[in-house]
Amino acid sequence: MTLTFHALPTPSLLLDRARMRANIRRMARHIQALGPTLRPHVKTHKSRDVLADVKALSGNQGITVSTLQEARYFFEGGERDILYAVGMTPGKVGDAAALIHQGCRLKVITDNPAMAGLLDEAAGRHRVSLPVLIELDVDGHRSGADPESDMLVRLAQRIHQGSALTLEGVMTHAGGSYDLRSTDAIHAHAEQERALTVKAAARLKDAGLPCPVVSVGSTPTAVMARDMTGVTEVRPGVYTFFDLFQVGLGVAALEDIAVSVLTTVIGHQPDKGWVIVDAGWMAMSRDRGTAGQAVDQGYGLVCHENGTPQDDVIMGSANQEHGILMARDGTPRLDITRFPVGSRWRILPNHACATAGQYSGYHVLENKTITTRWPRTRGW
């Protein structure tokens, strides 16, 4: 399959394979040098074809998923070692049990004794031994058990003593790193993530409990980590593609971003300096995360069809199916003659996971040519 941009419908999701492979190699070398195993999170790409490149270039020993649909999809594609890294619920144990009975080494997580009890009961009904990791809160970002609390040990004991549960270890996601504004702060956050997770594991071992897995993960802290002593695995995800938010954090460069949305100019509003395109927030997602950073990228940064960023032009506003390209400062100074009706442009996304989630697959770009289309899974 060989297509030109102009043979594609718009909007379309493009994947620059060379950039993606460079990102994969860089992370693989970095984590290998630090010692742990790489267990990449597949929630960004949700594609067996992308994972094939990840495995070929980094040799990972397992994957992380955010939905049981992802787990089924990748299991059917040959993956066996899968961590479902969202708090487990009793209603999902049946689906998890079906995967385990088919040979999937699926692990789940929880952060409280009440849920551990419900999972134990549900796993017993489904006649499955359910491997469980304890989710830790290392930065107040979201969910997780306090790694320094008495409850942590009680939770571990409840899991270990369960008739249908096995205690596999501890894990965390240092999502607080997304709120930081300097690389020095992210370096420090990576060490905080490591130290608190390793401390939690040590507390469980001191209590006579098993803790073979010590798992950390977020792309910013994985990129900025300098020490992984005591950690067994790392679970970054968006590093395969990167995005404008990661650029704003200082953990990636514009030229690292591997995904973009191809769009067509459909009209102008000359008095306002607006260029109207056929990619709105349904094509880009509503994620405006860069609005809180030093550089607000609107709904995305505009690039020429050849991928060259137009640093003064962003998608500053969007409706469901219409995007409005404008000068970064919002004034009507944009020379709209640069953007003739019918011309094609590429938009770099704020959040690669959210933008990719709007599409059923990627048009893969290699050597300036669309060579194939890679499908991706969706749903829960």
Foldseek 3Di string as FASTA:
>chain_A
DWDAPVVDDPFAKAFAQVLLLVLLLVLLVLVVVQPAAAAAEALLPQFPVSVVSNCVRRVGDYYEYQDVLSVVVVVVVPGAEYEHEDADALVCVLSVLVSVVVRHNYAYEHAAQVRLVSNLVSQVVSVAQHEYAFEDDLDPPDDGYDLPDPRLLVNLVSQVPRPRYHYAAYEYELPVLLVDQELVVLQVSLVSQQVSLLSSRVVNVVVVGDHPAREYEEVSSSLNYDHNPNHHYYYYYCSSADFVSCVLNVSDPLSSHGMWTKWFFADDDQVQLKTKIQAFCLQQPPDQSCVPGPQGQAFFFKAALQGHTPVQWHQNHGDNGMTIIHGSVRGNPHPCVVRDGGGMIITTGHRSSRNSQSDQWHQYADPSIRDDITGRDDDD
